[in-house]
Amino acid sequence: MSQEEDKSRHKKRMQQQKAKVDERIAAAQQDKGLLLVLTGNGKGKSTSGFGTITRAVGHGLHAKVVQYVKGGWECGERDLLEKNGVEFHVMGTGFTWETQDKETDIKAAQAAWSYSKTLLQDPSVDVILLDEITYMITYKYIDLDEVIAALTARPKDQHVVITGRACHRAIIEIADTVSEVRPVKHAFDKGIKAQKGIDW
């Protein structure tokens, strides 16, 4: 095959591909607030959620974050985003195996959920990150049906990002976009400690 024939075939393939992409773009005319779920056992779910919040803020959207599970330790994303007007509510108890106090964890989860519900009723908030809320549902610290009701009744243009392992199938069913992060390998498994600016 000559170089000219190769170029011609390539151009034809790209034209066909562009036509298919253009057709899909033309067909996607609905405009609405999205529910995005980032789940799975791999690293990067919260990081992706914060990336979405950063993108939203960069476009001038009003964003807020509720961090479930997280304790009082440093959070690079929070440090950066708060300087850019993003309000955070941090559950603050840390991991359940650290507190070893179910009653305290439930109260903290309920307080974080109560705040989340106010955001899910506020049309002035464009994007909400409910970071690691899936654990609270799995542990039954907050009620699944209540979460679904709040998500489905939220303002029509409001976007919500949910992160955490083992997202309940009922939430996955109502979500618009679901991504599963799969672990292939992790430095921690080799005895490498979590790195500032990379892991936290």
Protein backbone atom coordinates (compact mmCIF):
# COMPACT_ATOMS: atom_id res chain seq x y z
CA MET A 1 0.00 0.00 0.00
CA SER A 2 1.37 3.40 -0.96
CA GLN A 3 1.64 6.27 1.48
CA GLU A 4 -1.11 8.13 -0.36
CA GLU A 5 -3.47 5.13 -0.16
CA ASP A 6 -2.75 4.80 3.56
CA LYS A 7 -3.50 8.49 4.11
CA SER A 8 -6.71 8.19 2.11
CA ARG A 9 -7.91 5.15 4.10
CA HIS A 10 -7.07 6.87 7.38
CA LYS A 11 -8.98 9.99 6.36
CA LYS A 12 -12.01 7.92 5.36
CA ARG A 13 -11.99 6.07 8.72
CA MET A 14 -11.74 9.34 10.64
CA GLN A 15 -14.58 10.87 8.61
CA GLN A 16 -16.78 7.86 9.43
CA GLN A 17 -15.85 8.07 13.10
CA LYS A 18 -16.55 11.81 13.19
CA ALA A 19 -19.95 11.27 11.58
CA LYS A 20 -20.88 8.77 14.32
CA VAL A 21 -19.67 11.08 17.09
CA ASP A 22 -21.48 14.06 15.58
CA GLU A 23 -24.68 12.00 15.37
CA ARG A 24 -24.47 11.09 19.07
CA ILE A 25 -23.79 14.72 20.04
CA ALA A 26 -26.77 15.90 17.99
CA ALA A 27 -29.00 13.31 19.67
CA ALA A 28 -27.95 14.35 23.21
CA GLN A 29 -30.24 17.34 23.75
CA GLN A 30 -31.53 16.78 27.29
CA ASP A 31 -30.19 19.24 29.87
CA LYS A 32 -30.43 18.23 33.54
CA GLY A 33 -28.54 17.85 36.77
CA LEU A 34 -26.53 14.64 36.80
CA LEU A 35 -26.06 12.03 39.50
CA LEU A 36 -22.57 10.59 39.18
CA VAL A 37 -21.31 7.58 41.16
CA LEU A 38 -17.62 6.75 41.60
CA THR A 39 -17.33 3.34 43.24
CA GLY A 40 -15.16 0.23 43.32
CA ASN A 41 -12.22 -1.01 45.38
CA GLY A 42 -9.49 0.93 43.57
CA LYS A 43 -7.73 4.14 44.56
CA GLY A 44 -8.93 7.43 43.09
CA LYS A 45 -12.66 7.74 43.74
CA SER A 46 -12.48 10.78 46.02
CA THR A 47 -9.70 12.22 43.87
CA SER A 48 -11.98 12.01 40.83
CA GLY A 49 -14.83 13.56 42.79
CA PHE A 50 -12.63 16.48 43.82
CA GLY A 51 -11.51 16.81 40.22
CA THR A 52 -15.15 17.28 39.21
CA ILE A 53 -15.63 19.89 41.92
CA THR A 54 -12.48 21.71 40.77
CA ARG A 55 -13.71 21.70 37.17
CA ALA A 56 -17.11 23.03 38.27
CA VAL A 57 -15.54 25.85 40.28
CA GLY A 58 -13.31 26.67 37.32
CA HIS A 59 -16.49 27.21 35.28
CA GLY A 60 -17.98 29.46 37.95
CA LEU A 61 -20.41 26.94 39.44
CA HIS A 62 -21.35 27.03 43.13
CA ALA A 63 -20.05 23.81 44.72
CA LYS A 64 -20.13 22.31 48.21
CA VAL A 65 -18.59 19.19 49.73
CA VAL A 66 -19.68 16.86 52.51
CA GLN A 67 -16.92 14.49 53.62
CA TYR A 68 -18.20 11.39 55.36
CA VAL A 69 -15.74 9.19 57.31
CA LYS A 70 -12.91 11.73 57.13
CA GLY A 71 -11.26 12.79 60.35
CA GLY A 72 -9.35 15.92 61.28
CA TRP A 73 -6.24 15.16 59.26
CA GLU A 74 -4.88 17.33 56.46
CA CYS A 75 -6.68 17.29 53.13
CA GLY A 76 -4.91 18.96 50.21
CA GLU A 77 -8.10 19.20 48.17
CA ARG A 78 -9.96 20.88 51.02
CA ASP A 79 -7.11 23.33 51.61
CA LEU A 80 -7.15 24.34 47.94
CA LEU A 81 -10.90 24.40 47.33
CA GLU A 82 -11.80 26.33 50.49
CA LYS A 83 -9.52 29.12 49.26
CA ASN A 84 -11.70 29.17 46.13
CA GLY A 85 -15.01 29.51 47.95
CA VAL A 86 -16.01 25.85 48.34
CA GLU A 87 -17.65 25.18 51.70
CA PHE A 88 -16.88 21.85 53.38
CA HIS A 89 -18.72 19.90 56.05
CA VAL A 90 -16.47 17.18 57.51
CA MET A 91 -18.00 14.34 59.49
CA GLY A 92 -14.81 14.37 61.52
CA THR A 93 -14.86 11.02 63.31
CA GLY A 94 -12.39 9.22 61.06
CA PHE A 95 -12.62 5.54 60.27
CA THR A 96 -14.92 3.35 62.38
CA TRP A 97 -12.05 1.08 63.34
CA GLU A 98 -10.32 4.11 64.86
CA THR A 99 -13.27 5.46 66.85
CA GLN A 100 -14.53 2.03 67.94
CA ASP A 101 -17.66 3.86 69.07
CA LYS A 102 -20.72 3.06 66.95
CA GLU A 103 -23.02 5.50 68.74
CA THR A 104 -20.65 8.43 68.14
CA ASP A 105 -20.20 7.42 64.51
CA ILE A 106 -23.96 7.23 63.93
CA LYS A 107 -24.52 10.68 65.46
CA ALA A 108 -21.76 12.18 63.31
CA ALA A 109 -23.13 10.48 60.18
CA GLN A 110 -26.65 11.71 60.93
CA ALA A 111 -25.37 15.28 61.42
CA ALA A 112 -23.50 15.12 58.11
CA TRP A 113 -26.58 13.69 56.39
CA SER A 114 -28.81 16.39 57.87
CA TYR A 115 -26.51 19.03 56.36
CA SER A 116 -26.42 17.12 53.06
CA LYS A 117 -30.24 17.18 52.90
CA THR A 118 -30.27 20.97 53.19
CA LEU A 119 -27.87 21.17 50.25
CA LEU A 120 -30.00 18.76 48.22
CA GLN A 121 -32.93 21.17 48.64
CA ASP A 122 -30.98 24.33 47.76
CA PRO A 123 -31.25 25.36 44.09
CA SER A 124 -28.40 27.86 44.54
CA VAL A 125 -25.93 24.95 44.95
CA ASP A 126 -24.93 23.72 41.49
CA VAL A 127 -22.72 20.77 42.43
CA ILE A 128 -22.45 18.67 45.60
CA LEU A 129 -19.82 16.06 46.41
CA LEU A 130 -21.01 13.47 48.95
CA ASP A 131 -17.60 11.95 49.53
CA GLU A 132 -17.65 8.37 50.87
CA ILE A 133 -21.32 8.44 51.77
CA THR A 134 -21.67 4.84 50.54
CA TYR A 135 -20.05 3.54 53.73
CA MET A 136 -22.69 5.24 55.87
CA ILE A 137 -25.41 3.52 53.87
CA THR A 138 -23.67 0.13 54.03
CA TYR A 139 -23.28 0.43 57.82
CA LYS A 140 -26.94 1.59 58.06
CA TYR A 141 -25.89 4.79 59.82
CA ILE A 142 -28.15 6.65 57.40
CA ASP A 143 -31.27 5.33 55.71
CA LEU A 144 -31.00 4.25 52.07
CA ASP A 145 -34.62 5.15 51.21
CA GLU A 146 -34.15 8.61 52.69
CA VAL A 147 -31.01 9.13 50.60
CA ILE A 148 -32.78 8.04 47.41
CA ALA A 149 -35.77 10.28 48.17
CA ALA A 150 -33.50 13.30 48.70
CA LEU A 151 -31.52 12.60 45.54
CA THR A 152 -34.60 12.20 43.36
CA ALA A 153 -36.33 15.30 44.79
CA ARG A 154 -33.34 17.63 44.44
CA PRO A 155 -33.48 20.71 42.17
CA LYS A 156 -33.59 19.58 38.53
CA ASP A 157 -30.33 21.29 37.50
CA GLN A 158 -28.29 20.26 40.54
CA HIS A 159 -25.40 17.84 40.00
CA VAL A 160 -24.38 15.35 42.70
CA VAL A 161 -21.24 13.23 42.89
CA ILE A 162 -21.23 10.21 45.20
CA THR A 163 -18.04 8.35 46.06
CA GLY A 164 -17.20 5.22 48.04
CA ARG A 165 -16.89 1.47 47.80
CA ALA A 166 -19.84 -0.89 47.36
CA CYS A 167 -22.38 1.69 46.25
CA HIS A 168 -25.87 0.28 46.78
CA ARG A 169 -27.49 -1.01 43.59
CA ALA A 170 -30.56 1.19 44.17
CA ILE A 171 -28.38 4.30 43.89
CA ILE A 172 -26.56 2.89 40.87
CA GLU A 173 -29.96 2.36 39.19
CA ILE A 174 -30.98 6.02 39.53
CA ALA A 175 -27.52 7.39 38.66
CA ASP A 176 -26.83 8.93 35.26
CA THR A 177 -23.13 8.03 35.16
CA VAL A 178 -21.41 5.26 37.11
CA SER A 179 -17.68 4.54 37.07
CA GLU A 180 -16.04 1.65 38.88
CA VAL A 181 -12.41 2.04 39.91
CA ARG A 182 -10.69 -1.34 39.82
CA PRO A 183 -7.51 -2.05 41.77
CA VAL A 184 -4.60 -3.47 39.79
CA LYS A 185 -1.82 -2.77 42.27
CA HIS A 186 -1.25 -0.34 45.14
CA ALA A 187 2.00 0.94 46.63
CA PHE A 188 0.66 0.44 50.18
CA ASP A 189 0.50 -3.31 49.58
CA LYS A 190 4.28 -3.22 49.10
CA GLY A 191 4.80 -1.46 52.42
CA ILE A 192 5.11 2.03 50.95
CA LYS A 193 3.52 4.63 53.20
CA ALA A 194 0.88 7.08 51.96
CA GLN A 195 2.56 10.00 50.24
CA LYS A 196 1.62 13.63 50.97
CA GLY A 197 0.22 15.32 47.89
CA ILE A 198 -0.40 12.00 46.15
CA ASP A 199 -2.40 9.83 48.54
CA TRP A 200 -3.71 12.61 50.80
